[in-house]
Amino acid sequence: MILFFIGFLEMIIATAWTRVVTKAQIMASGFVTLVNIFIWYYVLQRIISDISNTQLIVIYALGCAIGTMFCTAYFHYFDKICRRKNKVRSAQPVLQENK
């Protein structure tokens, strides 16, 4: 069960990594990469120690899938809110000029 949560956490970190890299946040991307490598080390150690247990891989994969869906939905929602706020801000000066 711990691998499920590790997979979930890893995909949150991977999504955050993608976000900071695309925004060229150098220090943040380095830190997130460091954390991700430690997670990968733990996952590889767990899976290699019980390589014949396919249930571990399935549990980890489910955690990764749900973590990816969660983060994608979160950032979609967050971006939608930011776009709404920017539309309101950009419309306000136009409304004031018409008065």
PDB file of N, CA and C in Angstrom:
ATOM      1  N   MET A   1       0.821  -1.200   0.000  1.00  0.00           N
ATOM      2  CA  MET A   1       0.000   0.000   0.000  1.00  0.00           C
ATOM      3  C   MET A   1       0.865   1.264   0.000  1.00  0.00           C
ATOM      4  N   ILE A   2       2.041   1.175   0.593  1.00  0.00           N
ATOM      5  CA  ILE A   2       2.921   2.343   0.633  1.00  0.00           C
ATOM      6  C   ILE A   2       3.351   2.739  -0.773  1.00  0.00           C
ATOM      7  N   LEU A   3       3.515   1.745  -1.661  1.00  0.00           N
ATOM      8  CA  LEU A   3       3.905   2.074  -3.030  1.00  0.00           C
ATOM      9  C   LEU A   3       2.816   2.841  -3.771  1.00  0.00           C
ATOM     10  N   PHE A   4       1.567   2.618  -3.406  1.00  0.00           N
ATOM     11  CA  PHE A   4       0.475   3.390  -4.005  1.00  0.00           C
ATOM     12  C   PHE A   4       0.667   4.876  -3.690  1.00  0.00           C
ATOM     13  N   PHE A   5       0.897   5.177  -2.427  1.00  0.00           N
ATOM     14  CA  PHE A   5       1.080   6.572  -2.014  1.00  0.00           C
ATOM     15  C   PHE A   5       2.381   7.172  -2.560  1.00  0.00           C
ATOM     16  N   ILE A   6       3.408   6.343  -2.654  1.00  0.00           N
ATOM     17  CA  ILE A   6       4.670   6.805  -3.240  1.00  0.00           C
ATOM     18  C   ILE A   6       4.450   7.145  -4.713  1.00  0.00           C
ATOM     19  N   GLY A   7       3.712   6.310  -5.436  1.00  0.00           N
ATOM     20  CA  GLY A   7       3.403   6.592  -6.839  1.00  0.00           C
ATOM     21  C   GLY A   7       2.590   7.863  -6.986  1.00  0.00           C
ATOM     22  N   PHE A   8       1.616   8.027  -6.113  1.00  0.00           N
ATOM     23  CA  PHE A   8       0.793   9.236  -6.115  1.00  0.00           C
ATOM     24  C   PHE A   8       1.673  10.471  -5.883  1.00  0.00           C
ATOM     25  N   LEU A   9       2.517  10.400  -4.862  1.00  0.00           N
ATOM     26  CA  LEU A   9       3.411  11.504  -4.535  1.00  0.00           C
ATOM     27  C   LEU A   9       4.393  11.774  -5.672  1.00  0.00           C
ATOM     28  N   GLU A  10       4.894  10.713  -6.266  1.00  0.00           N
ATOM     29  CA  GLU A  10       5.856  10.883  -7.355  1.00  0.00           C
ATOM     30  C   GLU A  10       5.243  11.629  -8.540  1.00  0.00           C
ATOM     31  N   MET A  11       4.008  11.341  -8.865  1.00  0.00           N
ATOM     32  CA  MET A  11       3.379  12.025  -9.993  1.00  0.00           C
ATOM     33  C   MET A  11       3.060  13.481  -9.657  1.00  0.00           C
ATOM     34  N   ILE A  12       2.777  13.765  -8.397  1.00  0.00           N
ATOM     35  CA  ILE A  12       2.612  15.161  -7.988  1.00  0.00           C
ATOM     36  C   ILE A  12       3.943  15.887  -8.187  1.00  0.00           C
ATOM     37  N   ILE A  13       5.022  15.231  -7.782  1.00  0.00           N
ATOM     38  CA  ILE A  13       6.346  15.836  -7.934  1.00  0.00           C
ATOM     39  C   ILE A  13       6.719  15.963  -9.409  1.00  0.00           C
ATOM     40  N   ALA A  14       6.411  14.943 -10.209  1.00  0.00           N
ATOM     41  CA  ALA A  14       6.727  15.000 -11.640  1.00  0.00           C
ATOM     42  C   ALA A  14       5.947  16.115 -12.332  1.00  0.00           C
ATOM     43  N   THR A  15       4.709  16.304 -11.951  1.00  0.00           N
ATOM     44  CA  THR A  15       3.905  17.374 -12.525  1.00  0.00           C
ATOM     45  C   THR A  15       4.444  18.732 -12.089  1.00  0.00           C
ATOM     46  N   ALA A  16       4.819  18.834 -10.824  1.00  0.00           N
ATOM     47  CA  ALA A  16       5.419  20.086 -10.339  1.00  0.00           C
ATOM     48  C   ALA A  16       6.738  20.351 -11.057  1.00  0.00           C
ATOM     49  N   TRP A  17       7.518  19.289 -11.290  1.00  0.00           N
ATOM     50  CA  TRP A  17       8.784  19.438 -12.005  1.00  0.00           C
ATOM     51  C   TRP A  17       8.542  19.989 -13.411  1.00  0.00           C
ATOM     52  N   THR A  18       7.569  19.436 -14.099  1.00  0.00           N
ATOM     53  CA  THR A  18       7.248  19.911 -15.444  1.00  0.00           C
ATOM     54  C   THR A  18       6.860  21.381 -15.413  1.00  0.00           C
ATOM     55  N   ARG A  19       6.093  21.745 -14.424  1.00  0.00           N
ATOM     56  CA  ARG A  19       5.637  23.132 -14.288  1.00  0.00           C
ATOM     57  C   ARG A  19       6.814  24.095 -14.045  1.00  0.00           C
ATOM     58  N   VAL A  20       7.721  23.741 -13.126  1.00  0.00           N
ATOM     59  CA  VAL A  20       8.825  24.655 -12.826  1.00  0.00           C
ATOM     60  C   VAL A  20       9.848  24.700 -13.953  1.00  0.00           C
ATOM     61  N   VAL A  21      10.023  23.595 -14.672  1.00  0.00           N
ATOM     62  CA  VAL A  21      10.955  23.588 -15.789  1.00  0.00           C
ATOM     63  C   VAL A  21      10.421  24.449 -16.935  1.00  0.00           C
ATOM     64  N   THR A  22       9.131  24.334 -17.239  1.00  0.00           N
ATOM     65  CA  THR A  22       8.575  25.133 -18.327  1.00  0.00           C
ATOM     66  C   THR A  22       8.551  26.618 -17.995  1.00  0.00           C
ATOM     67  N   LYS A  23       8.558  26.946 -16.710  1.00  0.00           N
ATOM     68  CA  LYS A  23       8.608  28.354 -16.311  1.00  0.00           C
ATOM     69  C   LYS A  23      10.032  28.808 -16.015  1.00  0.00           C
ATOM     70  N   ALA A  24      11.010  27.955 -16.317  1.00  0.00           N
ATOM     71  CA  ALA A  24      12.441  28.241 -16.155  1.00  0.00           C
ATOM     72  C   ALA A  24      12.800  28.650 -14.730  1.00  0.00           C
ATOM     73  N   GLN A  25      12.223  27.970 -13.759  1.00  0.00           N
ATOM     74  CA  GLN A  25      12.555  28.204 -12.354  1.00  0.00           C
ATOM     75  C   GLN A  25      13.702  27.252 -11.989  1.00  0.00           C
ATOM     76  N   ILE A  26      14.914  27.749 -12.095  1.00  0.00           N
ATOM     77  CA  ILE A  26      16.117  26.927 -12.052  1.00  0.00           C
ATOM     78  C   ILE A  26      16.297  26.229 -10.705  1.00  0.00           C
ATOM     79  N   MET A  27      16.278  26.957  -9.626  1.00  0.00           N
ATOM     80  CA  MET A  27      16.510  26.362  -8.309  1.00  0.00           C
ATOM     81  C   MET A  27      15.401  25.382  -7.941  1.00  0.00           C
ATOM     82  N   ALA A  28      14.168  25.750  -8.218  1.00  0.00           N
ATOM     83  CA  ALA A  28      13.042  24.873  -7.899  1.00  0.00           C
ATOM     84  C   ALA A  28      13.123  23.575  -8.703  1.00  0.00           C
ATOM     85  N   SER A  29      13.488  23.668  -9.978  1.00  0.00           N
ATOM     86  CA  SER A  29      13.568  22.459 -10.798  1.00  0.00           C
ATOM     87  C   SER A  29      14.673  21.536 -10.300  1.00  0.00           C
ATOM     88  N   GLY A  30      15.792  22.104  -9.853  1.00  0.00           N
ATOM     89  CA  GLY A  30      16.861  21.285  -9.292  1.00  0.00           C
ATOM     90  C   GLY A  30      16.440  20.588  -8.016  1.00  0.00           C
ATOM     91  N   PHE A  31      15.744  21.303  -7.141  1.00  0.00           N
ATOM     92  CA  PHE A  31      15.282  20.719  -5.879  1.00  0.00           C
ATOM     93  C   PHE A  31      14.267  19.605  -6.127  1.00  0.00           C
ATOM     94  N   VAL A  32      13.327  19.850  -7.024  1.00  0.00           N
ATOM     95  CA  VAL A  32      12.300  18.845  -7.323  1.00  0.00           C
ATOM     96  C   VAL A  32      12.942  17.605  -7.944  1.00  0.00           C
ATOM     97  N   THR A  33      13.940  17.798  -8.793  1.00  0.00           N
ATOM     98  CA  THR A  33      14.651  16.661  -9.380  1.00  0.00           C
ATOM     99  C   THR A  33      15.341  15.842  -8.303  1.00  0.00           C
ATOM    100  N   LEU A  34      15.959  16.500  -7.350  1.00  0.00           N
ATOM    101  CA  LEU A  34      16.639  15.812  -6.260  1.00  0.00           C
ATOM    102  C   LEU A  34      15.657  14.938  -5.469  1.00  0.00           C
ATOM    103  N   VAL A  35      14.524  15.492  -5.123  1.00  0.00           N
ATOM    104  CA  VAL A  35      13.508  14.734  -4.384  1.00  0.00           C
ATOM    105  C   VAL A  35      13.017  13.556  -5.216  1.00  0.00           C
ATOM    106  N   ASN A  36      12.805  13.787  -6.498  1.00  0.00           N
ATOM    107  CA  ASN A  36      12.309  12.726  -7.379  1.00  0.00           C
ATOM    108  C   ASN A  36      13.298  11.565  -7.484  1.00  0.00           C
ATOM    109  N   ILE A  37      14.586  11.864  -7.514  1.00  0.00           N
ATOM    110  CA  ILE A  37      15.596  10.806  -7.585  1.00  0.00           C
ATOM    111  C   ILE A  37      15.560   9.945  -6.326  1.00  0.00           C
ATOM    112  N   PHE A  38      15.383  10.545  -5.161  1.00  0.00           N
ATOM    113  CA  PHE A  38      15.283   9.763  -3.927  1.00  0.00           C
ATOM    114  C   PHE A  38      14.038   8.868  -3.935  1.00  0.00           C
ATOM    115  N   ILE A  39      12.959   9.369  -4.479  1.00  0.00           N
ATOM    116  CA  ILE A  39      11.744   8.545  -4.594  1.00  0.00           C
ATOM    117  C   ILE A  39      12.001   7.370  -5.527  1.00  0.00           C
ATOM    118  N   TRP A  40      12.617   7.640  -6.663  1.00  0.00           N
ATOM    119  CA  TRP A  40      12.927   6.565  -7.607  1.00  0.00           C
ATOM    120  C   TRP A  40      13.834   5.519  -6.967  1.00  0.00           C
ATOM    121  N   TYR A  41      14.795   5.954  -6.204  1.00  0.00           N
ATOM    122  CA  TYR A  41      15.688   5.017  -5.527  1.00  0.00           C
ATOM    123  C   TYR A  41      14.885   4.087  -4.613  1.00  0.00           C
ATOM    124  N   TYR A  42      13.978   4.654  -3.839  1.00  0.00           N
ATOM    125  CA  TYR A  42      13.148   3.854  -2.933  1.00  0.00           C
ATOM    126  C   TYR A  42      12.283   2.872  -3.717  1.00  0.00           C
ATOM    127  N   VAL A  43      11.657   3.357  -4.779  1.00  0.00           N
ATOM    128  CA  VAL A  43      10.775   2.497  -5.578  1.00  0.00           C
ATOM    129  C   VAL A  43      11.564   1.349  -6.203  1.00  0.00           C
ATOM    130  N   LEU A  44      12.693   1.653  -6.802  1.00  0.00           N
ATOM    131  CA  LEU A  44      13.505   0.596  -7.407  1.00  0.00           C
ATOM    132  C   LEU A  44      13.963  -0.424  -6.378  1.00  0.00           C
ATOM    133  N   GLN A  45      14.349   0.057  -5.217  1.00  0.00           N
ATOM    134  CA  GLN A  45      14.786  -0.843  -4.152  1.00  0.00           C
ATOM    135  C   GLN A  45      13.653  -1.788  -3.748  1.00  0.00           C
ATOM    136  N   ARG A  46      12.455  -1.248  -3.587  1.00  0.00           N
ATOM    137  CA  ARG A  46      11.299  -2.075  -3.187  1.00  0.00           C
ATOM    138  C   ARG A  46      10.925  -3.090  -4.258  1.00  0.00           C
ATOM    139  N   ILE A  47      10.909  -2.652  -5.504  1.00  0.00           N
ATOM    140  CA  ILE A  47      10.488  -3.550  -6.579  1.00  0.00           C
ATOM    141  C   ILE A  47      11.549  -4.610  -6.849  1.00  0.00           C
ATOM    142  N   ILE A  48      12.816  -4.224  -6.850  1.00  0.00           N
ATOM    143  CA  ILE A  48      13.883  -5.197  -7.110  1.00  0.00           C
ATOM    144  C   ILE A  48      13.972  -6.231  -5.987  1.00  0.00           C
ATOM    145  N   SER A  49      13.703  -5.819  -4.757  1.00  0.00           N
ATOM    146  CA  SER A  49      13.781  -6.774  -3.640  1.00  0.00           C
ATOM    147  C   SER A  49      12.696  -7.851  -3.726  1.00  0.00           C
ATOM    148  N   ASP A  50      11.617  -7.563  -4.453  1.00  0.00           N
ATOM    149  CA  ASP A  50      10.530  -8.547  -4.616  1.00  0.00           C
ATOM    150  C   ASP A  50      10.078  -8.520  -6.078  1.00  0.00           C
ATOM    151  N   ILE A  51      11.020  -8.783  -6.978  1.00  0.00           N
ATOM    152  CA  ILE A  51      10.809  -8.605  -8.415  1.00  0.00           C
ATOM    153  C   ILE A  51       9.685  -9.479  -8.982  1.00  0.00           C
ATOM    154  N   SER A  52       9.410 -10.593  -8.386  1.00  0.00           N
ATOM    155  CA  SER A  52       8.374 -11.476  -8.919  1.00  0.00           C
ATOM    156  C   SER A  52       6.961 -11.056  -8.491  1.00  0.00           C
ATOM    157  N   ASN A  53       6.846 -10.107  -7.600  1.00  0.00           N
ATOM    158  CA  ASN A  53       5.543  -9.664  -7.096  1.00  0.00           C
ATOM    159  C   ASN A  53       4.967  -8.591  -8.019  1.00  0.00           C
ATOM    160  N   THR A  54       4.168  -9.006  -8.963  1.00  0.00           N
ATOM    161  CA  THR A  54       3.579  -8.051  -9.916  1.00  0.00           C
ATOM    162  C   THR A  54       2.526  -7.164  -9.252  1.00  0.00           C
ATOM    163  N   GLN A  55       2.009  -7.598  -8.125  1.00  0.00           N
ATOM    164  CA  GLN A  55       1.035  -6.781  -7.400  1.00  0.00           C
ATOM    165  C   GLN A  55       1.656  -5.450  -6.970  1.00  0.00           C
ATOM    166  N   LEU A  56       2.935  -5.464  -6.604  1.00  0.00           N
ATOM    167  CA  LEU A  56       3.628  -4.224  -6.240  1.00  0.00           C
ATOM    168  C   LEU A  56       3.642  -3.243  -7.406  1.00  0.00           C
ATOM    169  N   ILE A  57       3.891  -3.752  -8.593  1.00  0.00           N
ATOM    170  CA  ILE A  57       3.948  -2.897  -9.782  1.00  0.00           C
ATOM    171  C   ILE A  57       2.568  -2.334 -10.101  1.00  0.00           C
ATOM    172  N   VAL A  58       1.547  -3.169  -9.973  1.00  0.00           N
ATOM    173  CA  VAL A  58       0.182  -2.715 -10.250  1.00  0.00           C
ATOM    174  C   VAL A  58      -0.231  -1.639  -9.244  1.00  0.00           C
ATOM    175  N   ILE A  59       0.065  -1.845  -7.979  1.00  0.00           N
ATOM    176  CA  ILE A  59      -0.276  -0.857  -6.945  1.00  0.00           C
ATOM    177  C   ILE A  59       0.451   0.457  -7.192  1.00  0.00           C
ATOM    178  N   TYR A  60       1.732   0.360  -7.518  1.00  0.00           N
ATOM    179  CA  TYR A  60       2.526   1.558  -7.811  1.00  0.00           C
ATOM    180  C   TYR A  60       1.978   2.280  -9.047  1.00  0.00           C
ATOM    181  N   ALA A  61       1.662   1.521 -10.082  1.00  0.00           N
ATOM    182  CA  ALA A  61       1.128   2.109 -11.317  1.00  0.00           C
ATOM    183  C   ALA A  61      -0.211   2.798 -11.067  1.00  0.00           C
ATOM    184  N   LEU A  62      -1.055   2.208 -10.252  1.00  0.00           N
ATOM    185  CA  LEU A  62      -2.342   2.847  -9.914  1.00  0.00           C
ATOM    186  C   LEU A  62      -2.120   4.156  -9.160  1.00  0.00           C
ATOM    187  N   GLY A  63      -1.194   4.149  -8.233  1.00  0.00           N
ATOM    188  CA  GLY A  63      -0.870   5.382  -7.516  1.00  0.00           C
ATOM    189  C   GLY A  63      -0.367   6.459  -8.465  1.00  0.00           C
ATOM    190  N   CYS A  64       0.492   6.059  -9.391  1.00  0.00           N
ATOM    191  CA  CYS A  64       1.008   7.009 -10.380  1.00  0.00           C
ATOM    192  C   CYS A  64      -0.117   7.564 -11.249  1.00  0.00           C
ATOM    193  N   ALA A  65      -1.001   6.686 -11.706  1.00  0.00           N
ATOM    194  CA  ALA A  65      -2.097   7.120 -12.572  1.00  0.00           C
ATOM    195  C   ALA A  65      -3.028   8.086 -11.847  1.00  0.00           C
ATOM    196  N   ILE A  66      -3.403   7.763 -10.632  1.00  0.00           N
ATOM    197  CA  ILE A  66      -4.306   8.624  -9.874  1.00  0.00           C
ATOM    198  C   ILE A  66      -3.611   9.934  -9.504  1.00  0.00           C
ATOM    199  N   GLY A  67      -2.331   9.872  -9.179  1.00  0.00           N
ATOM    200  CA  GLY A  67      -1.573  11.089  -8.888  1.00  0.00           C
ATOM    201  C   GLY A  67      -1.508  12.006 -10.099  1.00  0.00           C
ATOM    202  N   THR A  68      -1.301  11.439 -11.277  1.00  0.00           N
ATOM    203  CA  THR A  68      -1.266  12.229 -12.504  1.00  0.00           C
ATOM    204  C   THR A  68      -2.620  12.877 -12.772  1.00  0.00           C
ATOM    205  N   MET A  69      -3.694  12.104 -12.624  1.00  0.00           N
ATOM    206  CA  MET A  69      -5.034  12.649 -12.852  1.00  0.00           C
ATOM    207  C   MET A  69      -5.352  13.756 -11.849  1.00  0.00           C
ATOM    208  N   PHE A  70      -4.977  13.561 -10.591  1.00  0.00           N
ATOM    209  CA  PHE A  70      -5.222  14.554  -9.555  1.00  0.00           C
ATOM    210  C   PHE A  70      -4.499  15.858  -9.874  1.00  0.00           C
ATOM    211  N   CYS A  71      -3.218  15.756 -10.194  1.00  0.00           N
ATOM    212  CA  CYS A  71      -2.435  16.966 -10.472  1.00  0.00           C
ATOM    213  C   CYS A  71      -2.894  17.662 -11.740  1.00  0.00           C
ATOM    214  N   THR A  72      -3.214  16.902 -12.750  1.00  0.00           N
ATOM    215  CA  THR A  72      -3.699  17.497 -13.996  1.00  0.00           C
ATOM    216  C   THR A  72      -4.999  18.250 -13.738  1.00  0.00           C
ATOM    217  N   ALA A  73      -5.897  17.650 -12.984  1.00  0.00           N
ATOM    218  CA  ALA A  73      -7.159  18.323 -12.658  1.00  0.00           C
ATOM    219  C   ALA A  73      -6.908  19.563 -11.807  1.00  0.00           C
ATOM    220  N   TYR A  74      -5.991  19.479 -10.849  1.00  0.00           N
ATOM    221  CA  TYR A  74      -5.684  20.620  -9.996  1.00  0.00           C
ATOM    222  C   TYR A  74      -5.142  21.782 -10.814  1.00  0.00           C
ATOM    223  N   PHE A  75      -4.148  21.520 -11.647  1.00  0.00           N
ATOM    224  CA  PHE A  75      -3.559  22.603 -12.434  1.00  0.00           C
ATOM    225  C   PHE A  75      -4.535  23.142 -13.479  1.00  0.00           C
ATOM    226  N   HIS A  76      -5.404  22.282 -13.992  1.00  0.00           N
ATOM    227  CA  HIS A  76      -6.437  22.752 -14.914  1.00  0.00           C
ATOM    228  C   HIS A  76      -7.368  23.736 -14.191  1.00  0.00           C
ATOM    229  N   TYR A  77      -7.792  23.363 -13.000  1.00  0.00           N
ATOM    230  CA  TYR A  77      -8.656  24.225 -12.195  1.00  0.00           C
ATOM    231  C   TYR A  77      -7.939  25.525 -11.824  1.00  0.00           C
ATOM    232  N   PHE A  78      -6.681  25.417 -11.386  1.00  0.00           N
ATOM    233  CA  PHE A  78      -5.890  26.580 -11.005  1.00  0.00           C
ATOM    234  C   PHE A  78      -5.703  27.534 -12.188  1.00  0.00           C
ATOM    235  N   ASP A  79      -5.372  26.990 -13.351  1.00  0.00           N
ATOM    236  CA  ASP A  79      -5.197  27.825 -14.547  1.00  0.00           C
ATOM    237  C   ASP A  79      -6.505  28.497 -14.961  1.00  0.00           C
ATOM    238  N   LYS A  80      -7.603  27.798 -14.800  1.00  0.00           N
ATOM    239  CA  LYS A  80      -8.915  28.360 -15.143  1.00  0.00           C
ATOM    240  C   LYS A  80      -9.234  29.560 -14.254  1.00  0.00           C
ATOM    241  N   ILE A  81      -8.943  29.440 -12.970  1.00  0.00           N
ATOM    242  CA  ILE A  81      -9.164  30.547 -12.037  1.00  0.00           C
ATOM    243  C   ILE A  81      -8.274  31.732 -12.399  1.00  0.00           C
ATOM    244  N   CYS A  82      -7.011  31.458 -12.716  1.00  0.00           N
ATOM    245  CA  CYS A  82      -6.085  32.539 -13.087  1.00  0.00           C
ATOM    246  C   CYS A  82      -6.541  33.242 -14.363  1.00  0.00           C
ATOM    247  N   ARG A  83      -7.041  32.483 -15.328  1.00  0.00           N
ATOM    248  CA  ARG A  83      -7.527  33.104 -16.566  1.00  0.00           C
ATOM    249  C   ARG A  83      -8.729  33.996 -16.290  1.00  0.00           C
ATOM    250  N   ARG A  84      -9.626  33.545 -15.412  1.00  0.00           N
ATOM    251  CA  ARG A  84     -10.800  34.362 -15.063  1.00  0.00           C
ATOM    252  C   ARG A  84     -10.370  35.664 -14.395  1.00  0.00           C
ATOM    253  N   LYS A  85      -9.417  35.581 -13.479  1.00  0.00           N
ATOM    254  CA  LYS A  85      -8.938  36.778 -12.789  1.00  0.00           C
ATOM    255  C   LYS A  85      -8.275  37.737 -13.769  1.00  0.00           C
ATOM    256  N   ASN A  86      -7.505  37.205 -14.710  1.00  0.00           N
ATOM    257  CA  ASN A  86      -6.846  38.053 -15.705  1.00  0.00           C
ATOM    258  C   ASN A  86      -7.857  38.713 -16.630  1.00  0.00           C
ATOM    259  N   LYS A  87      -8.933  38.025 -16.970  1.00  0.00           N
ATOM    260  CA  LYS A  87      -9.973  38.617 -17.812  1.00  0.00           C
ATOM    261  C   LYS A  87     -10.660  39.757 -17.081  1.00  0.00           C
ATOM    262  N   VAL A  88     -10.914  39.560 -15.796  1.00  0.00           N
ATOM    263  CA  VAL A  88     -11.558  40.604 -15.001  1.00  0.00           C
ATOM    264  C   VAL A  88     -10.640  41.812 -14.894  1.00  0.00           C
ATOM    265  N   ARG A  89      -9.349  41.563 -14.646  1.00  0.00           N
ATOM    266  CA  ARG A  89      -8.393  42.671 -14.534  1.00  0.00           C
ATOM    267  C   ARG A  89      -8.235  43.408 -15.854  1.00  0.00           C
ATOM    268  N   SER A  90      -8.173  42.685 -16.953  1.00  0.00           N
ATOM    269  CA  SER A  90      -7.981  43.344 -18.247  1.00  0.00           C
ATOM    270  C   SER A  90      -9.244  44.075 -18.682  1.00  0.00           C
ATOM    271  N   ALA A  91     -10.403  43.660 -18.211  1.00  0.00           N
ATOM    272  CA  ALA A  91     -11.644  44.332 -18.588  1.00  0.00           C
ATOM    273  C   ALA A  91     -11.887  45.570 -17.761  1.00  0.00           C
ATOM    274  N   GLN A  92     -11.345  45.652 -16.559  1.00  0.00           N
ATOM    275  CA  GLN A  92     -11.595  46.804 -15.704  1.00  0.00           C
ATOM    276  C   GLN A  92     -11.097  48.117 -16.273  1.00  0.00           C
ATOM    277  N   PRO A  93      -9.886  48.233 -16.798  1.00  0.00           N
ATOM    278  CA  PRO A  93      -9.455  49.517 -17.363  1.00  0.00           C
ATOM    279  C   PRO A  93     -10.320  49.955 -18.539  1.00  0.00           C
ATOM    280  N   VAL A  94     -10.779  48.993 -19.328  1.00  0.00           N
ATOM    281  CA  VAL A  94     -11.625  49.317 -20.466  1.00  0.00           C
ATOM    282  C   VAL A  94     -12.943  49.912 -19.973  1.00  0.00           C
ATOM    283  N   LEU A  95     -13.506  49.355 -18.928  1.00  0.00           N
ATOM    284  CA  LEU A  95     -14.753  49.854 -18.390  1.00  0.00           C
ATOM    285  C   LEU A  95     -14.567  51.264 -17.823  1.00  0.00           C
ATOM    286  N   GLN A  96     -13.442  51.508 -17.197  1.00  0.00           N
ATOM    287  CA  GLN A  96     -13.200  52.822 -16.604  1.00  0.00           C
ATOM    288  C   GLN A  96     -12.991  53.884 -17.693  1.00  0.00           C
ATOM    289  N   GLU A  97     -12.396  53.517 -18.826  1.00  0.00           N
ATOM    290  CA  GLU A  97     -12.159  54.479 -19.901  1.00  0.00           C
ATOM    291  C   GLU A  97     -13.465  54.906 -20.544  1.00  0.00           C
ATOM    292  N   ASN A  98     -14.463  54.043 -20.558  1.00  0.00           N
ATOM    293  CA  ASN A  98     -15.737  54.339 -21.198  1.00  0.00           C
ATOM    294  C   ASN A  98     -16.605  55.289 -20.361  1.00  0.00           C
ATOM    295  N   LYS A  99     -16.277  55.451 -19.113  1.00  0.00           N
ATOM    296  CA  LYS A  99     -17.112  56.268 -18.216  1.00  0.00           C
ATOM    297  C   LYS A  99     -16.930  57.723 -18.466  1.00  0.00           C
TER     298      LYS A  99
END
